[in-house]
Amino acid sequence: MLHWKDLTIGAMAGIVTILGVALGGQSSAHAGPAQDAASEKGNLLMAVGGSADNRMDIVWVLHKHKPLPALAKLMGDGEEARELRKEENLSLMMYKCEDGGKSLRLVAARLLNYDEEMTSYRQEKPTPLDIYNDLKAEVKKKAK
């Protein structure tokens, strides 16, 4: 025999499911990993997203690779250049699908090697270094 309690719980579960599906259908631009089969070693990561709601027309490619010897020479062979040079490059490229997916255009490319070393590029105060110095001063003050 069906009880009102069971009927109410079932109806509520149905409403929650319908709302979840309806709200889930309202997508916004996002990127999710879509690793290429050729990148078994983890040197290449691809993600797709959109330049507008309900439009998946952007492809990001993150590529970890050895620098080309000819391009490495552009930095020079001085002591400073050797200290700053990294053994592997980390590049980020953004492509846009156009003409209904018939063409792919490189929109932007960036070498991230040195970006990842920055701690407070064009940030408001306090910077991480300011916080570190304040914390260090506070620890010294408490130790006295």
C-alpha atoms as a PDB file:
ATOM      1  CA  MET A   1       0.000   0.000   0.000  1.00  0.00           C
ATOM      2  CA  LEU A   2       1.311   3.444  -0.965  1.00  0.00           C
ATOM      3  CA  HIS A   3       1.678   5.936   1.878  1.00  0.00           C
ATOM      4  CA  TRP A   4       1.583   9.721   1.534  1.00  0.00           C
ATOM      5  CA  LYS A   5       5.076   9.883   2.972  1.00  0.00           C
ATOM      6  CA  ASP A   6       6.451   7.653   0.186  1.00  0.00           C
ATOM      7  CA  LEU A   7       4.537   9.559  -2.483  1.00  0.00           C
ATOM      8  CA  THR A   8       5.818  12.919  -1.168  1.00  0.00           C
ATOM      9  CA  ILE A   9       9.433  11.709  -1.028  1.00  0.00           C
ATOM     10  CA  GLY A  10       9.150  10.365  -4.578  1.00  0.00           C
ATOM     11  CA  ALA A  11       7.612  13.588  -5.861  1.00  0.00           C
ATOM     12  CA  MET A  12      10.310  15.686  -4.159  1.00  0.00           C
ATOM     13  CA  ALA A  13      13.058  13.473  -5.589  1.00  0.00           C
ATOM     14  CA  GLY A  14      11.538  13.926  -9.052  1.00  0.00           C
ATOM     15  CA  ILE A  15      11.386  17.702  -8.666  1.00  0.00           C
ATOM     16  CA  VAL A  16      14.996  17.832  -7.465  1.00  0.00           C
ATOM     17  CA  THR A  17      16.065  15.717 -10.446  1.00  0.00           C
ATOM     18  CA  ILE A  18      14.187  17.915 -12.923  1.00  0.00           C
ATOM     19  CA  LEU A  19      15.657  21.086 -11.390  1.00  0.00           C
ATOM     20  CA  GLY A  20      19.134  19.574 -11.437  1.00  0.00           C
ATOM     21  CA  VAL A  21      18.861  18.696 -15.114  1.00  0.00           C
ATOM     22  CA  ALA A  22      17.378  22.098 -15.974  1.00  0.00           C
ATOM     23  CA  LEU A  23      20.042  24.036 -14.063  1.00  0.00           C
ATOM     24  CA  GLY A  24      22.804  21.771 -15.325  1.00  0.00           C
ATOM     25  CA  GLY A  25      21.787  22.585 -18.888  1.00  0.00           C
ATOM     26  CA  GLN A  26      22.552  26.262 -18.344  1.00  0.00           C
ATOM     27  CA  SER A  27      26.230  25.950 -19.106  1.00  0.00           C
ATOM     28  CA  SER A  28      28.789  28.654 -18.893  1.00  0.00           C
ATOM     29  CA  ALA A  29      32.239  28.831 -20.416  1.00  0.00           C
ATOM     30  CA  HIS A  30      34.439  26.215 -18.850  1.00  0.00           C
ATOM     31  CA  ALA A  31      37.459  24.145 -19.596  1.00  0.00           C
ATOM     32  CA  GLY A  32      37.853  20.497 -18.839  1.00  0.00           C
ATOM     33  CA  PRO A  33      40.853  18.301 -19.440  1.00  0.00           C
ATOM     34  CA  ALA A  34      40.808  16.277 -22.613  1.00  0.00           C
ATOM     35  CA  GLN A  35      44.173  14.589 -22.729  1.00  0.00           C
ATOM     36  CA  ASP A  36      45.332  13.452 -26.133  1.00  0.00           C
ATOM     37  CA  ALA A  37      46.188   9.784 -26.643  1.00  0.00           C
ATOM     38  CA  ALA A  38      49.578  10.828 -28.009  1.00  0.00           C
ATOM     39  CA  SER A  39      50.459  12.423 -24.673  1.00  0.00           C
ATOM     40  CA  GLU A  40      50.887   9.282 -22.607  1.00  0.00           C
ATOM     41  CA  LYS A  41      53.987  10.741 -20.972  1.00  0.00           C
ATOM     42  CA  GLY A  42      52.051  13.767 -19.747  1.00  0.00           C
ATOM     43  CA  ASN A  43      53.917  16.247 -21.959  1.00  0.00           C
ATOM     44  CA  LEU A  44      50.755  17.577 -23.570  1.00  0.00           C
ATOM     45  CA  LEU A  45      47.469  18.593 -21.999  1.00  0.00           C
ATOM     46  CA  MET A  46      44.503  19.854 -23.967  1.00  0.00           C
ATOM     47  CA  ALA A  47      41.376  21.551 -22.645  1.00  0.00           C
ATOM     48  CA  VAL A  48      38.320  22.897 -24.422  1.00  0.00           C
ATOM     49  CA  GLY A  49      36.097  25.792 -23.491  1.00  0.00           C
ATOM     50  CA  GLY A  50      34.020  28.526 -24.945  1.00  0.00           C
ATOM     51  CA  SER A  51      34.312  32.183 -25.792  1.00  0.00           C
ATOM     52  CA  ALA A  52      30.600  32.521 -24.934  1.00  0.00           C
ATOM     53  CA  ASP A  53      27.861  30.482 -23.266  1.00  0.00           C
ATOM     54  CA  ASN A  54      26.933  27.293 -25.120  1.00  0.00           C
ATOM     55  CA  ARG A  55      29.837  27.708 -27.541  1.00  0.00           C
ATOM     56  CA  MET A  56      32.753  25.281 -27.303  1.00  0.00           C
ATOM     57  CA  ASP A  57      35.132  26.987 -29.716  1.00  0.00           C
ATOM     58  CA  ILE A  58      38.371  27.400 -27.761  1.00  0.00           C
ATOM     59  CA  VAL A  59      41.152  24.819 -27.407  1.00  0.00           C
ATOM     60  CA  TRP A  60      43.985  25.345 -24.925  1.00  0.00           C
ATOM     61  CA  VAL A  61      47.177  23.337 -25.270  1.00  0.00           C
ATOM     62  CA  LEU A  62      49.706  23.170 -22.452  1.00  0.00           C
ATOM     63  CA  HIS A  63      52.962  21.645 -23.674  1.00  0.00           C
ATOM     64  CA  LYS A  64      56.044  20.663 -21.670  1.00  0.00           C
ATOM     65  CA  HIS A  65      59.058  20.297 -23.959  1.00  0.00           C
ATOM     66  CA  LYS A  66      62.791  20.755 -24.362  1.00  0.00           C
ATOM     67  CA  PRO A  67      63.746  24.176 -25.725  1.00  0.00           C
ATOM     68  CA  LEU A  68      64.842  24.310 -29.336  1.00  0.00           C
ATOM     69  CA  PRO A  69      68.637  24.786 -29.378  1.00  0.00           C
ATOM     70  CA  ALA A  70      68.400  27.626 -31.911  1.00  0.00           C
ATOM     71  CA  LEU A  71      65.901  29.534 -29.756  1.00  0.00           C
ATOM     72  CA  ALA A  72      67.879  28.888 -26.569  1.00  0.00           C
ATOM     73  CA  LYS A  73      70.825  30.701 -28.179  1.00  0.00           C
ATOM     74  CA  LEU A  74      68.690  33.843 -28.444  1.00  0.00           C
ATOM     75  CA  MET A  75      68.904  34.221 -24.666  1.00  0.00           C
ATOM     76  CA  GLY A  76      72.674  34.238 -24.946  1.00  0.00           C
ATOM     77  CA  ASP A  77      75.378  32.186 -23.305  1.00  0.00           C
ATOM     78  CA  GLY A  78      76.333  34.590 -20.526  1.00  0.00           C
ATOM     79  CA  GLU A  79      76.365  33.559 -16.864  1.00  0.00           C
ATOM     80  CA  GLU A  80      73.008  35.208 -16.149  1.00  0.00           C
ATOM     81  CA  ALA A  81      71.379  33.536 -19.165  1.00  0.00           C
ATOM     82  CA  ARG A  82      72.717  30.130 -18.087  1.00  0.00           C
ATOM     83  CA  GLU A  83      71.385  30.641 -14.546  1.00  0.00           C
ATOM     84  CA  LEU A  84      67.918  31.595 -15.789  1.00  0.00           C
ATOM     85  CA  ARG A  85      67.675  28.975 -18.526  1.00  0.00           C
ATOM     86  CA  LYS A  86      65.454  26.015 -17.734  1.00  0.00           C
ATOM     87  CA  GLU A  87      65.901  22.474 -18.968  1.00  0.00           C
ATOM     88  CA  GLU A  88      62.258  22.251 -20.038  1.00  0.00           C
ATOM     89  CA  ASN A  89      59.842  24.807 -21.414  1.00  0.00           C
ATOM     90  CA  LEU A  90      56.199  25.090 -20.457  1.00  0.00           C
ATOM     91  CA  SER A  91      54.173  26.648 -23.286  1.00  0.00           C
ATOM     92  CA  LEU A  92      50.500  27.605 -23.377  1.00  0.00           C
ATOM     93  CA  MET A  93      48.701  28.091 -26.666  1.00  0.00           C
ATOM     94  CA  MET A  94      45.095  29.091 -27.310  1.00  0.00           C
ATOM     95  CA  TYR A  95      43.359  28.184 -30.551  1.00  0.00           C
ATOM     96  CA  LYS A  96      39.917  29.236 -31.768  1.00  0.00           C
ATOM     97  CA  CYS A  97      37.746  27.026 -33.977  1.00  0.00           C
ATOM     98  CA  GLU A  98      36.261  29.033 -36.824  1.00  0.00           C
ATOM     99  CA  ASP A  99      34.082  28.469 -39.892  1.00  0.00           C
ATOM    100  CA  GLY A 100      31.972  25.861 -38.134  1.00  0.00           C
ATOM    101  CA  GLY A 101      35.026  23.841 -37.107  1.00  0.00           C
ATOM    102  CA  LYS A 102      36.668  23.885 -40.551  1.00  0.00           C
ATOM    103  CA  SER A 103      39.642  25.939 -39.415  1.00  0.00           C
ATOM    104  CA  LEU A 104      41.682  26.398 -36.271  1.00  0.00           C
ATOM    105  CA  ARG A 105      43.416  29.733 -35.637  1.00  0.00           C
ATOM    106  CA  LEU A 106      46.256  30.285 -33.175  1.00  0.00           C
ATOM    107  CA  VAL A 107      45.073  33.220 -31.053  1.00  0.00           C
ATOM    108  CA  ALA A 108      47.789  33.428 -28.405  1.00  0.00           C
ATOM    109  CA  ALA A 109      50.937  31.644 -27.291  1.00  0.00           C
ATOM    110  CA  ARG A 110      53.050  32.159 -24.213  1.00  0.00           C
ATOM    111  CA  LEU A 111      56.121  30.608 -22.648  1.00  0.00           C
ATOM    112  CA  LEU A 112      55.229  30.129 -18.969  1.00  0.00           C
ATOM    113  CA  ASN A 113      58.712  29.272 -17.656  1.00  0.00           C
ATOM    114  CA  TYR A 114      59.228  32.543 -15.891  1.00  0.00           C
ATOM    115  CA  ASP A 115      55.590  33.354 -15.092  1.00  0.00           C
ATOM    116  CA  GLU A 116      55.476  30.469 -12.637  1.00  0.00           C
ATOM    117  CA  GLU A 117      58.462  31.909 -10.745  1.00  0.00           C
ATOM    118  CA  MET A 118      56.691  35.215 -10.021  1.00  0.00           C
ATOM    119  CA  THR A 119      55.109  35.630  -6.609  1.00  0.00           C
ATOM    120  CA  SER A 120      53.470  39.051  -6.869  1.00  0.00           C
ATOM    121  CA  TYR A 121      53.419  40.441 -10.375  1.00  0.00           C
ATOM    122  CA  ARG A 122      51.353  43.660 -10.419  1.00  0.00           C
ATOM    123  CA  GLN A 123      49.449  42.742  -7.261  1.00  0.00           C
ATOM    124  CA  GLU A 124      47.987  45.064  -4.694  1.00  0.00           C
ATOM    125  CA  LYS A 125      49.676  45.431  -1.315  1.00  0.00           C
ATOM    126  CA  PRO A 126      50.446  43.471   0.732  1.00  0.00           C
ATOM    127  CA  THR A 127      52.585  41.323  -1.528  1.00  0.00           C
ATOM    128  CA  PRO A 128      53.659  37.831  -0.436  1.00  0.00           C
ATOM    129  CA  LEU A 129      57.090  39.289   0.429  1.00  0.00           C
ATOM    130  CA  ASP A 130      55.445  41.969   2.637  1.00  0.00           C
ATOM    131  CA  ILE A 131      53.468  39.276   4.471  1.00  0.00           C
ATOM    132  CA  TYR A 132      56.574  37.116   4.877  1.00  0.00           C
ATOM    133  CA  ASN A 133      58.558  40.031   6.326  1.00  0.00           C
ATOM    134  CA  ASP A 134      55.705  40.985   8.697  1.00  0.00           C
ATOM    135  CA  LEU A 135      55.389  37.359   9.833  1.00  0.00           C
ATOM    136  CA  LYS A 136      59.144  37.089  10.362  1.00  0.00           C
ATOM    137  CA  ALA A 137      59.108  40.306  12.444  1.00  0.00           C
ATOM    138  CA  GLU A 138      56.182  39.005  14.504  1.00  0.00           C
ATOM    139  CA  VAL A 139      57.947  35.699  15.196  1.00  0.00           C
ATOM    140  CA  LYS A 140      61.098  37.568  16.317  1.00  0.00           C
ATOM    141  CA  LYS A 141      58.946  39.824  18.532  1.00  0.00           C
ATOM    142  CA  LYS A 142      57.270  36.821  20.208  1.00  0.00           C
ATOM    143  CA  ALA A 143      60.623  35.108  20.718  1.00  0.00           C
ATOM    144  CA  LYS A 144      61.926  38.011  22.869  1.00  0.00           C
END
